[in-house]
Amino acid sequence: MSSNPEPKIPAPKISVIMPAHNVDAYIGEAVRSVFAQIDADFEFIAVNDGSTDGTGMILEEWRDRFESAGRRMILVDREKGGA
């Protein structure tokens, strides 16, 4: 019996990583800027580093918005640990 391996999704050419901690007043504009500047095969990784304000919620909204548009955004939520 032969098994067909699942097709692998090719890795993006560019990875952009943005750490964020308690920057709810600025994070939306920062994310918008990343997506506006890059018109290539890329993934955006946002790391919510233990924010206690609305940063995490704003990042979740952006992730949902861009995933529905077929763009790659990965959100990592973690306890405060520094970038």
PDB file of N, CA and C in Angstrom:
ATOM      1  N   MET A   1       0.833  -1.159   0.000  1.00  0.00           N
ATOM      2  CA  MET A   1       0.000   0.000   0.000  1.00  0.00           C
ATOM      3  C   MET A   1       0.892   1.241   0.000  1.00  0.00           C
ATOM      4  N   SER A   2       0.703   2.107  -0.961  1.00  0.00           N
ATOM      5  CA  SER A   2       1.528   3.309  -1.027  1.00  0.00           C
ATOM      6  C   SER A   2       0.794   4.467  -0.367  1.00  0.00           C
ATOM      7  N   SER A   3       1.559   5.291   0.284  1.00  0.00           N
ATOM      8  CA  SER A   3       0.948   6.471   0.903  1.00  0.00           C
ATOM      9  C   SER A   3       1.416   7.701   0.147  1.00  0.00           C
ATOM     10  N   ASN A   4       0.512   8.596  -0.058  1.00  0.00           N
ATOM     11  CA  ASN A   4       0.849   9.839  -0.720  1.00  0.00           C
ATOM     12  C   ASN A   4       1.115  10.897   0.337  1.00  0.00           C
ATOM     13  N   PRO A   5       2.349  11.382   0.401  1.00  0.00           N
ATOM     14  CA  PRO A   5       2.623  12.422   1.395  1.00  0.00           C
ATOM     15  C   PRO A   5       1.856  13.691   1.039  1.00  0.00           C
ATOM     16  N   GLU A   6       1.465  14.411   2.076  1.00  0.00           N
ATOM     17  CA  GLU A   6       0.769  15.667   1.835  1.00  0.00           C
ATOM     18  C   GLU A   6       1.726  16.647   1.168  1.00  0.00           C
ATOM     19  N   PRO A   7       1.204  17.450   0.241  1.00  0.00           N
ATOM     20  CA  PRO A   7       2.089  18.414  -0.412  1.00  0.00           C
ATOM     21  C   PRO A   7       2.603  19.432   0.597  1.00  0.00           C
ATOM     22  N   LYS A   8       3.867  19.784   0.454  1.00  0.00           N
ATOM     23  CA  LYS A   8       4.467  20.756   1.356  1.00  0.00           C
ATOM     24  C   LYS A   8       4.227  22.159   0.813  1.00  0.00           C
ATOM     25  N   ILE A   9       3.882  23.049   1.716  1.00  0.00           N
ATOM     26  CA  ILE A   9       3.731  24.452   1.341  1.00  0.00           C
ATOM     27  C   ILE A   9       5.123  25.058   1.321  1.00  0.00           C
ATOM     28  N   PRO A  10       5.498  25.679   0.212  1.00  0.00           N
ATOM     29  CA  PRO A  10       6.846  26.241   0.142  1.00  0.00           C
ATOM     30  C   PRO A  10       7.039  27.353   1.175  1.00  0.00           C
ATOM     31  N   ALA A  11       8.227  27.408   1.717  1.00  0.00           N
ATOM     32  CA  ALA A  11       8.551  28.455   2.679  1.00  0.00           C
ATOM     33  C   ALA A  11       8.564  29.800   1.966  1.00  0.00           C
ATOM     34  N   PRO A  12       8.148  30.850   2.652  1.00  0.00           N
ATOM     35  CA  PRO A  12       8.175  32.168   2.027  1.00  0.00           C
ATOM     36  C   PRO A  12       9.613  32.635   1.829  1.00  0.00           C
ATOM     37  N   LYS A  13       9.791  33.560   0.908  1.00  0.00           N
ATOM     38  CA  LYS A  13      11.123  34.100   0.645  1.00  0.00           C
ATOM     39  C   LYS A  13      11.588  35.032   1.755  1.00  0.00           C
ATOM     40  N   ILE A  14      10.625  35.705   2.407  1.00  0.00           N
ATOM     41  CA  ILE A  14      10.954  36.697   3.434  1.00  0.00           C
ATOM     42  C   ILE A  14      10.115  36.422   4.677  1.00  0.00           C
ATOM     43  N   SER A  15      10.749  36.518   5.846  1.00  0.00           N
ATOM     44  CA  SER A  15      10.029  36.472   7.119  1.00  0.00           C
ATOM     45  C   SER A  15      10.277  37.788   7.846  1.00  0.00           C
ATOM     46  N   VAL A  16       9.209  38.446   8.254  1.00  0.00           N
ATOM     47  CA  VAL A  16       9.295  39.685   9.015  1.00  0.00           C
ATOM     48  C   VAL A  16       8.804  39.368  10.411  1.00  0.00           C
ATOM     49  N   ILE A  17       9.633  39.659  11.414  1.00  0.00           N
ATOM     50  CA  ILE A  17       9.279  39.370  12.801  1.00  0.00           C
ATOM     51  C   ILE A  17       9.194  40.683  13.564  1.00  0.00           C
ATOM     52  N   MET A  18       8.055  40.884  14.253  1.00  0.00           N
ATOM     53  CA  MET A  18       7.854  42.109  15.016  1.00  0.00           C
ATOM     54  C   MET A  18       7.469  41.768  16.448  1.00  0.00           C
ATOM     55  N   PRO A  19       8.356  42.046  17.427  1.00  0.00           N
ATOM     56  CA  PRO A  19       7.969  41.877  18.821  1.00  0.00           C
ATOM     57  C   PRO A  19       7.107  43.067  19.248  1.00  0.00           C
ATOM     58  N   ALA A  20       6.186  42.850  20.166  1.00  0.00           N
ATOM     59  CA  ALA A  20       5.319  43.923  20.641  1.00  0.00           C
ATOM     60  C   ALA A  20       5.000  43.729  22.113  1.00  0.00           C
ATOM     61  N   HIS A  21       5.097  44.806  22.874  1.00  0.00           N
ATOM     62  CA  HIS A  21       4.736  44.761  24.294  1.00  0.00           C
ATOM     63  C   HIS A  21       4.081  46.081  24.673  1.00  0.00           C
ATOM     64  N   ASN A  22       2.797  46.018  25.011  1.00  0.00           N
ATOM     65  CA  ASN A  22       2.034  47.185  25.468  1.00  0.00           C
ATOM     66  C   ASN A  22       2.157  48.386  24.521  1.00  0.00           C
ATOM     67  N   VAL A  23       1.835  48.156  23.260  1.00  0.00           N
ATOM     68  CA  VAL A  23       1.908  49.228  22.256  1.00  0.00           C
ATOM     69  C   VAL A  23       0.592  49.347  21.493  1.00  0.00           C
ATOM     70  N   ASP A  24      -0.526  49.206  22.216  1.00  0.00           N
ATOM     71  CA  ASP A  24      -1.812  49.224  21.527  1.00  0.00           C
ATOM     72  C   ASP A  24      -2.074  50.527  20.774  1.00  0.00           C
ATOM     73  N   ALA A  25      -1.457  51.623  21.183  1.00  0.00           N
ATOM     74  CA  ALA A  25      -1.649  52.893  20.482  1.00  0.00           C
ATOM     75  C   ALA A  25      -0.938  52.924  19.129  1.00  0.00           C
ATOM     76  N   TYR A  26       0.037  52.048  18.915  1.00  0.00           N
ATOM     77  CA  TYR A  26       0.875  52.098  17.714  1.00  0.00           C
ATOM     78  C   TYR A  26       0.851  50.836  16.855  1.00  0.00           C
ATOM     79  N   ILE A  27       0.451  49.715  17.407  1.00  0.00           N
ATOM     80  CA  ILE A  27       0.641  48.438  16.721  1.00  0.00           C
ATOM     81  C   ILE A  27      -0.137  48.338  15.415  1.00  0.00           C
ATOM     82  N   GLY A  28      -1.328  48.897  15.356  1.00  0.00           N
ATOM     83  CA  GLY A  28      -2.100  48.838  14.119  1.00  0.00           C
ATOM     84  C   GLY A  28      -1.383  49.499  12.964  1.00  0.00           C
ATOM     85  N   GLU A  29      -0.829  50.680  13.207  1.00  0.00           N
ATOM     86  CA  GLU A  29      -0.099  51.399  12.158  1.00  0.00           C
ATOM     87  C   GLU A  29       1.174  50.646  11.773  1.00  0.00           C
ATOM     88  N   ALA A  30       1.832  50.030  12.741  1.00  0.00           N
ATOM     89  CA  ALA A  30       3.053  49.271  12.446  1.00  0.00           C
ATOM     90  C   ALA A  30       2.751  48.073  11.546  1.00  0.00           C
ATOM     91  N   VAL A  31       1.681  47.339  11.852  1.00  0.00           N
ATOM     92  CA  VAL A  31       1.298  46.187  11.029  1.00  0.00           C
ATOM     93  C   VAL A  31       0.893  46.644   9.638  1.00  0.00           C
ATOM     94  N   ARG A  32       0.109  47.701   9.562  1.00  0.00           N
ATOM     95  CA  ARG A  32      -0.322  48.236   8.265  1.00  0.00           C
ATOM     96  C   ARG A  32       0.895  48.628   7.424  1.00  0.00           C
ATOM     97  N   SER A  33       1.899  49.208   8.058  1.00  0.00           N
ATOM     98  CA  SER A  33       3.112  49.620   7.364  1.00  0.00           C
ATOM     99  C   SER A  33       3.872  48.423   6.785  1.00  0.00           C
ATOM    100  N   VAL A  34       3.961  47.347   7.555  1.00  0.00           N
ATOM    101  CA  VAL A  34       4.641  46.144   7.055  1.00  0.00           C
ATOM    102  C   VAL A  34       3.960  45.628   5.793  1.00  0.00           C
ATOM    103  N   PHE A  35       2.651  45.492   5.846  1.00  0.00           N
ATOM    104  CA  PHE A  35       1.934  44.948   4.691  1.00  0.00           C
ATOM    105  C   PHE A  35       1.941  45.904   3.503  1.00  0.00           C
ATOM    106  N   ALA A  36       2.023  47.199   3.745  1.00  0.00           N
ATOM    107  CA  ALA A  36       2.049  48.173   2.656  1.00  0.00           C
ATOM    108  C   ALA A  36       3.401  48.204   1.954  1.00  0.00           C
ATOM    109  N   GLN A  37       4.471  47.920   2.668  1.00  0.00           N
ATOM    110  CA  GLN A  37       5.808  48.018   2.103  1.00  0.00           C
ATOM    111  C   GLN A  37       6.264  46.770   1.373  1.00  0.00           C
ATOM    112  N   ILE A  38       5.717  45.650   1.730  1.00  0.00           N
ATOM    113  CA  ILE A  38       6.216  44.392   1.185  1.00  0.00           C
ATOM    114  C   ILE A  38       5.209  43.837   0.194  1.00  0.00           C
ATOM    115  N   ASP A  39       5.630  43.734  -1.044  1.00  0.00           N
ATOM    116  CA  ASP A  39       4.776  43.167  -2.089  1.00  0.00           C
ATOM    117  C   ASP A  39       5.498  41.954  -2.658  1.00  0.00           C
ATOM    118  N   ALA A  40       5.697  40.971  -1.803  1.00  0.00           N
ATOM    119  CA  ALA A  40       6.454  39.784  -2.202  1.00  0.00           C
ATOM    120  C   ALA A  40       5.921  38.580  -1.440  1.00  0.00           C
ATOM    121  N   ASP A  41       6.541  37.453  -1.676  1.00  0.00           N
ATOM    122  CA  ASP A  41       6.201  36.232  -0.967  1.00  0.00           C
ATOM    123  C   ASP A  41       6.813  36.311   0.432  1.00  0.00           C
ATOM    124  N   PHE A  42       5.981  36.653   1.424  1.00  0.00           N
ATOM    125  CA  PHE A  42       6.510  36.809   2.770  1.00  0.00           C
ATOM    126  C   PHE A  42       5.512  36.325   3.799  1.00  0.00           C
ATOM    127  N   GLU A  43       6.026  36.121   5.007  1.00  0.00           N
ATOM    128  CA  GLU A  43       5.184  35.850   6.153  1.00  0.00           C
ATOM    129  C   GLU A  43       5.505  36.901   7.204  1.00  0.00           C
ATOM    130  N   PHE A  44       4.498  37.265   7.952  1.00  0.00           N
ATOM    131  CA  PHE A  44       4.656  38.253   9.014  1.00  0.00           C
ATOM    132  C   PHE A  44       4.403  37.546  10.331  1.00  0.00           C
ATOM    133  N   ILE A  45       5.388  37.589  11.214  1.00  0.00           N
ATOM    134  CA  ILE A  45       5.275  36.941  12.517  1.00  0.00           C
ATOM    135  C   ILE A  45       5.270  38.033  13.577  1.00  0.00           C
ATOM    136  N   ALA A  46       4.155  38.157  14.282  1.00  0.00           N
ATOM    137  CA  ALA A  46       4.041  39.137  15.362  1.00  0.00           C
ATOM    138  C   ALA A  46       4.112  38.388  16.681  1.00  0.00           C
ATOM    139  N   VAL A  47       4.965  38.863  17.573  1.00  0.00           N
ATOM    140  CA  VAL A  47       5.129  38.232  18.882  1.00  0.00           C
ATOM    141  C   VAL A  47       4.589  39.188  19.943  1.00  0.00           C
ATOM    142  N   ASN A  48       3.451  38.826  20.531  1.00  0.00           N
ATOM    143  CA  ASN A  48       2.885  39.594  21.623  1.00  0.00           C
ATOM    144  C   ASN A  48       3.585  39.147  22.895  1.00  0.00           C
ATOM    145  N   ASP A  49       4.487  39.995  23.388  1.00  0.00           N
ATOM    146  CA  ASP A  49       5.363  39.629  24.497  1.00  0.00           C
ATOM    147  C   ASP A  49       4.755  40.023  25.839  1.00  0.00           C
ATOM    148  N   GLY A  50       3.668  39.345  26.212  1.00  0.00           N
ATOM    149  CA  GLY A  50       3.062  39.533  27.524  1.00  0.00           C
ATOM    150  C   GLY A  50       2.371  40.870  27.728  1.00  0.00           C
ATOM    151  N   SER A  51       1.817  41.433  26.677  1.00  0.00           N
ATOM    152  CA  SER A  51       1.134  42.725  26.799  1.00  0.00           C
ATOM    153  C   SER A  51      -0.044  42.634  27.752  1.00  0.00           C
ATOM    154  N   THR A  52      -0.243  43.714  28.500  1.00  0.00           N
ATOM    155  CA  THR A  52      -1.378  43.782  29.417  1.00  0.00           C
ATOM    156  C   THR A  52      -2.400  44.822  28.961  1.00  0.00           C
ATOM    157  N   ASP A  53      -2.154  45.438  27.807  1.00  0.00           N
ATOM    158  CA  ASP A  53      -3.104  46.390  27.237  1.00  0.00           C
ATOM    159  C   ASP A  53      -3.836  45.700  26.080  1.00  0.00           C
ATOM    160  N   GLY A  54      -4.281  46.404  25.095  1.00  0.00           N
ATOM    161  CA  GLY A  54      -5.039  45.826  23.992  1.00  0.00           C
ATOM    162  C   GLY A  54      -4.212  45.321  22.827  1.00  0.00           C
ATOM    163  N   THR A  55      -2.890  45.258  22.975  1.00  0.00           N
ATOM    164  CA  THR A  55      -2.015  44.852  21.874  1.00  0.00           C
ATOM    165  C   THR A  55      -2.393  43.489  21.311  1.00  0.00           C
ATOM    166  N   GLY A  56      -2.589  42.508  22.165  1.00  0.00           N
ATOM    167  CA  GLY A  56      -2.912  41.153  21.703  1.00  0.00           C
ATOM    168  C   GLY A  56      -4.204  41.106  20.914  1.00  0.00           C
ATOM    169  N   MET A  57      -5.216  41.795  21.393  1.00  0.00           N
ATOM    170  CA  MET A  57      -6.505  41.817  20.708  1.00  0.00           C
ATOM    171  C   MET A  57      -6.382  42.485  19.336  1.00  0.00           C
ATOM    172  N   ILE A  58      -5.637  43.573  19.261  1.00  0.00           N
ATOM    173  CA  ILE A  58      -5.444  44.262  17.983  1.00  0.00           C
ATOM    174  C   ILE A  58      -4.705  43.355  17.000  1.00  0.00           C
ATOM    175  N   LEU A  59      -3.683  42.659  17.472  1.00  0.00           N
ATOM    176  CA  LEU A  59      -2.946  41.741  16.597  1.00  0.00           C
ATOM    177  C   LEU A  59      -3.839  40.608  16.110  1.00  0.00           C
ATOM    178  N   GLU A  60      -4.712  40.100  16.963  1.00  0.00           N
ATOM    179  CA  GLU A  60      -5.645  39.049  16.538  1.00  0.00           C
ATOM    180  C   GLU A  60      -6.573  39.563  15.437  1.00  0.00           C
ATOM    181  N   GLU A  61      -7.044  40.801  15.573  1.00  0.00           N
ATOM    182  CA  GLU A  61      -7.900  41.384  14.537  1.00  0.00           C
ATOM    183  C   GLU A  61      -7.158  41.503  13.203  1.00  0.00           C
ATOM    184  N   TRP A  62      -5.905  41.945  13.254  1.00  0.00           N
ATOM    185  CA  TRP A  62      -5.117  42.050  12.023  1.00  0.00           C
ATOM    186  C   TRP A  62      -4.866  40.677  11.410  1.00  0.00           C
ATOM    187  N   ARG A  63      -4.552  39.700  12.256  1.00  0.00           N
ATOM    188  CA  ARG A  63      -4.323  38.340  11.743  1.00  0.00           C
ATOM    189  C   ARG A  63      -5.558  37.840  11.009  1.00  0.00           C
ATOM    190  N   ASP A  64      -6.716  37.985  11.609  1.00  0.00           N
ATOM    191  CA  ASP A  64      -7.951  37.527  10.980  1.00  0.00           C
ATOM    192  C   ASP A  64      -8.212  38.263   9.667  1.00  0.00           C
ATOM    193  N   ARG A  65      -7.962  39.551   9.660  1.00  0.00           N
ATOM    194  CA  ARG A  65      -8.181  40.360   8.459  1.00  0.00           C
ATOM    195  C   ARG A  65      -7.274  39.906   7.309  1.00  0.00           C
ATOM    196  N   PHE A  66      -6.003  39.694   7.607  1.00  0.00           N
ATOM    197  CA  PHE A  66      -5.072  39.334   6.538  1.00  0.00           C
ATOM    198  C   PHE A  66      -5.189  37.874   6.129  1.00  0.00           C
ATOM    199  N   GLU A  67      -5.529  36.989   7.061  1.00  0.00           N
ATOM    200  CA  GLU A  67      -5.747  35.591   6.676  1.00  0.00           C
ATOM    201  C   GLU A  67      -6.938  35.481   5.740  1.00  0.00           C
ATOM    202  N   SER A  68      -7.977  36.269   5.997  1.00  0.00           N
ATOM    203  CA  SER A  68      -9.144  36.217   5.114  1.00  0.00           C
ATOM    204  C   SER A  68      -8.822  36.769   3.732  1.00  0.00           C
ATOM    205  N   ALA A  69      -7.759  37.557   3.638  1.00  0.00           N
ATOM    206  CA  ALA A  69      -7.320  38.090   2.343  1.00  0.00           C
ATOM    207  C   ALA A  69      -6.233  37.218   1.714  1.00  0.00           C
ATOM    208  N   GLY A  70      -5.919  36.077   2.353  1.00  0.00           N
ATOM    209  CA  GLY A  70      -4.925  35.157   1.795  1.00  0.00           C
ATOM    210  C   GLY A  70      -3.485  35.532   2.083  1.00  0.00           C
ATOM    211  N   ARG A  71      -3.244  36.403   3.054  1.00  0.00           N
ATOM    212  CA  ARG A  71      -1.882  36.802   3.412  1.00  0.00           C
ATOM    213  C   ARG A  71      -1.442  36.002   4.632  1.00  0.00           C
ATOM    214  N   ARG A  72      -0.137  35.835   4.798  1.00  0.00           N
ATOM    215  CA  ARG A  72       0.392  35.071   5.928  1.00  0.00           C
ATOM    216  C   ARG A  72       0.715  35.975   7.104  1.00  0.00           C
ATOM    217  N   MET A  73       0.055  35.721   8.230  1.00  0.00           N
ATOM    218  CA  MET A  73       0.403  36.384   9.481  1.00  0.00           C
ATOM    219  C   MET A  73       0.299  35.359  10.591  1.00  0.00           C
ATOM    220  N   ILE A  74       1.386  35.209  11.312  1.00  0.00           N
ATOM    221  CA  ILE A  74       1.432  34.280  12.436  1.00  0.00           C
ATOM    222  C   ILE A  74       1.510  35.113  13.705  1.00  0.00           C
ATOM    223  N   LEU A  75       0.654  34.798  14.657  1.00  0.00           N
ATOM    224  CA  LEU A  75       0.652  35.513  15.928  1.00  0.00           C
ATOM    225  C   LEU A  75       1.105  34.570  17.023  1.00  0.00           C
ATOM    226  N   VAL A  76       2.142  34.984  17.731  1.00  0.00           N
ATOM    227  CA  VAL A  76       2.674  34.217  18.856  1.00  0.00           C
ATOM    228  C   VAL A  76       2.394  35.003  20.124  1.00  0.00           C
ATOM    229  N   ASP A  77       1.626  34.404  21.034  1.00  0.00           N
ATOM    230  CA  ASP A  77       1.367  35.020  22.331  1.00  0.00           C
ATOM    231  C   ASP A  77       2.240  34.310  23.359  1.00  0.00           C
ATOM    232  N   ARG A  78       2.956  35.101  24.157  1.00  0.00           N
ATOM    233  CA  ARG A  78       3.824  34.506  25.169  1.00  0.00           C
ATOM    234  C   ARG A  78       3.875  35.388  26.395  1.00  0.00           C
ATOM    235  N   GLU A  79       4.346  34.825  27.476  1.00  0.00           N
ATOM    236  CA  GLU A  79       4.547  35.612  28.692  1.00  0.00           C
ATOM    237  C   GLU A  79       5.714  36.562  28.469  1.00  0.00           C
ATOM    238  N   LYS A  80       5.726  37.643  29.208  1.00  0.00           N
ATOM    239  CA  LYS A  80       6.791  38.628  29.070  1.00  0.00           C
ATOM    240  C   LYS A  80       8.143  37.975  29.236  1.00  0.00           C
ATOM    241  N   GLY A  81       8.979  38.125  28.222  1.00  0.00           N
ATOM    242  CA  GLY A  81      10.291  37.513  28.282  1.00  0.00           C
ATOM    243  C   GLY A  81      11.349  38.314  27.549  1.00  0.00           C
ATOM    244  N   GLY A  82      10.949  39.368  26.865  1.00  0.00           N
ATOM    245  CA  GLY A  82      11.907  40.151  26.077  1.00  0.00           C
ATOM    246  C   GLY A  82      12.070  39.567  24.693  1.00  0.00           C
ATOM    247  N   ALA A  83      12.478  40.400  23.778  1.00  0.00           N
ATOM    248  CA  ALA A  83      12.620  39.981  22.390  1.00  0.00           C
ATOM    249  C   ALA A  83      13.907  39.374  22.169  1.00  0.00           C
TER     250      ALA A  83
END
